[in-house]
Amino acid sequence: MTTATTLRLPEEKLKLIRAIAGYENRHLSDIFLELSEEYIERHRETLEFLNIPGFTKECQDGLEEIKKGGGKTLIELDD
């Protein structure tokens, strides 16, 4: 099922996308669907990490440790 939505873009970008769509003989909706699929795929790994129990807390604790001058160097990470 598809639904309609309003998308606000700067006029310059919309003109370019329309020009490309015309050149490729494609509908704007097809281009935006492709862009959304690419965006989701790029962030899929992040979403998988966030589903690991305790992952977010571990990252936050690590950042706090770094702010306090702790943590490991890249060379030490192999240990």
C-alpha atoms as a PDB file:
ATOM      1  CA  MET A   1       0.000   0.000   0.000  1.00  0.00           C
ATOM      2  CA  THR A   2       1.268   3.475  -0.803  1.00  0.00           C
ATOM      3  CA  THR A   3       0.190   6.758   0.732  1.00  0.00           C
ATOM      4  CA  ALA A   4       0.567  10.383  -0.258  1.00  0.00           C
ATOM      5  CA  THR A   5       2.717  12.848   1.637  1.00  0.00           C
ATOM      6  CA  THR A   6       4.043  16.377   1.244  1.00  0.00           C
ATOM      7  CA  LEU A   7       7.764  16.814   0.835  1.00  0.00           C
ATOM      8  CA  ARG A   8       9.362  20.227   1.313  1.00  0.00           C
ATOM      9  CA  LEU A   9      12.538  20.752  -0.698  1.00  0.00           C
ATOM     10  CA  PRO A  10      14.513  23.825  -1.662  1.00  0.00           C
ATOM     11  CA  GLU A  11      13.353  24.977  -5.107  1.00  0.00           C
ATOM     12  CA  GLU A  12      16.842  24.543  -6.597  1.00  0.00           C
ATOM     13  CA  LYS A  13      16.997  20.871  -5.616  1.00  0.00           C
ATOM     14  CA  LEU A  14      13.481  20.191  -6.834  1.00  0.00           C
ATOM     15  CA  LYS A  15      14.302  21.749 -10.209  1.00  0.00           C
ATOM     16  CA  LEU A  16      17.342  19.504 -10.556  1.00  0.00           C
ATOM     17  CA  ILE A  17      15.398  16.384  -9.572  1.00  0.00           C
ATOM     18  CA  ARG A  18      12.624  17.263 -12.035  1.00  0.00           C
ATOM     19  CA  ALA A  19      15.187  17.807 -14.786  1.00  0.00           C
ATOM     20  CA  ILE A  20      16.827  14.449 -14.082  1.00  0.00           C
ATOM     21  CA  ALA A  21      13.431  12.735 -13.919  1.00  0.00           C
ATOM     22  CA  GLY A  22      12.510  14.238 -17.287  1.00  0.00           C
ATOM     23  CA  TYR A  23      15.790  13.205 -18.829  1.00  0.00           C
ATOM     24  CA  GLU A  24      15.393   9.648 -17.522  1.00  0.00           C
ATOM     25  CA  ASN A  25      11.659   9.601 -18.360  1.00  0.00           C
ATOM     26  CA  ARG A  26      10.820   8.676 -14.752  1.00  0.00           C
ATOM     27  CA  HIS A  27       8.132   9.765 -12.307  1.00  0.00           C
ATOM     28  CA  LEU A  28       9.194  11.779  -9.281  1.00  0.00           C
ATOM     29  CA  SER A  29       7.484   9.231  -7.024  1.00  0.00           C
ATOM     30  CA  ASP A  30       9.724   6.481  -8.429  1.00  0.00           C
ATOM     31  CA  ILE A  31      12.833   8.549  -7.732  1.00  0.00           C
ATOM     32  CA  PHE A  32      11.771   9.335  -4.168  1.00  0.00           C
ATOM     33  CA  LEU A  33      10.899   5.684  -3.567  1.00  0.00           C
ATOM     34  CA  GLU A  34      14.379   4.690  -4.744  1.00  0.00           C
ATOM     35  CA  LEU A  35      15.969   7.343  -2.524  1.00  0.00           C
ATOM     36  CA  SER A  36      14.002   6.181   0.524  1.00  0.00           C
ATOM     37  CA  GLU A  37      15.019   2.550  -0.080  1.00  0.00           C
ATOM     38  CA  GLU A  38      18.684   3.574  -0.320  1.00  0.00           C
ATOM     39  CA  TYR A  39      18.376   5.635   2.875  1.00  0.00           C
ATOM     40  CA  ILE A  40      16.815   2.748   4.793  1.00  0.00           C
ATOM     41  CA  GLU A  41      19.470   0.318   3.566  1.00  0.00           C
ATOM     42  CA  ARG A  42      22.291   2.689   4.595  1.00  0.00           C
ATOM     43  CA  HIS A  43      20.878   2.831   8.131  1.00  0.00           C
ATOM     44  CA  ARG A  44      19.830  -0.813   8.501  1.00  0.00           C
ATOM     45  CA  GLU A  45      23.091  -1.771  10.224  1.00  0.00           C
ATOM     46  CA  THR A  46      22.670   1.058  12.724  1.00  0.00           C
ATOM     47  CA  LEU A  47      19.161  -0.147  13.540  1.00  0.00           C
ATOM     48  CA  GLU A  48      20.484  -3.687  14.032  1.00  0.00           C
ATOM     49  CA  PHE A  49      23.138  -2.418  16.464  1.00  0.00           C
ATOM     50  CA  LEU A  50      20.539  -0.450  18.420  1.00  0.00           C
ATOM     51  CA  ASN A  51      18.532  -3.644  18.903  1.00  0.00           C
ATOM     52  CA  ILE A  52      21.454  -5.346  20.702  1.00  0.00           C
ATOM     53  CA  PRO A  53      20.625  -5.304  24.431  1.00  0.00           C
ATOM     54  CA  GLY A  54      22.907  -2.882  26.277  1.00  0.00           C
ATOM     55  CA  PHE A  55      24.603  -1.545  23.121  1.00  0.00           C
ATOM     56  CA  THR A  56      23.434   2.055  23.538  1.00  0.00           C
ATOM     57  CA  LYS A  57      24.390   2.108  27.230  1.00  0.00           C
ATOM     58  CA  GLU A  58      27.808   0.652  26.440  1.00  0.00           C
ATOM     59  CA  CYS A  59      28.398   3.385  23.843  1.00  0.00           C
ATOM     60  CA  GLN A  60      27.303   6.111  26.256  1.00  0.00           C
ATOM     61  CA  ASP A  61      29.569   4.703  28.982  1.00  0.00           C
ATOM     62  CA  GLY A  62      32.450   4.615  26.520  1.00  0.00           C
ATOM     63  CA  LEU A  63      31.939   8.255  25.585  1.00  0.00           C
ATOM     64  CA  GLU A  64      31.928   9.258  29.243  1.00  0.00           C
ATOM     65  CA  GLU A  65      35.146   7.302  29.794  1.00  0.00           C
ATOM     66  CA  ILE A  66      36.784   9.107  26.871  1.00  0.00           C
ATOM     67  CA  LYS A  67      35.656  12.506  28.190  1.00  0.00           C
ATOM     68  CA  LYS A  68      37.368  11.660  31.487  1.00  0.00           C
ATOM     69  CA  GLY A  69      40.614  10.841  29.677  1.00  0.00           C
ATOM     70  CA  GLY A  70      40.177   7.060  29.689  1.00  0.00           C
ATOM     71  CA  GLY A  71      39.580   4.606  26.913  1.00  0.00           C
ATOM     72  CA  LYS A  72      41.932   2.801  24.585  1.00  0.00           C
ATOM     73  CA  THR A  73      43.953   3.814  21.554  1.00  0.00           C
ATOM     74  CA  LEU A  74      43.239   2.149  18.217  1.00  0.00           C
ATOM     75  CA  ILE A  75      46.270  -0.108  18.700  1.00  0.00           C
ATOM     76  CA  GLU A  76      45.002  -1.214  22.118  1.00  0.00           C
ATOM     77  CA  LEU A  77      41.568  -2.171  20.748  1.00  0.00           C
ATOM     78  CA  ASP A  78      42.899  -5.521  19.500  1.00  0.00           C
ATOM     79  CA  ASP A  79      43.416  -6.584  23.135  1.00  0.00           C
END
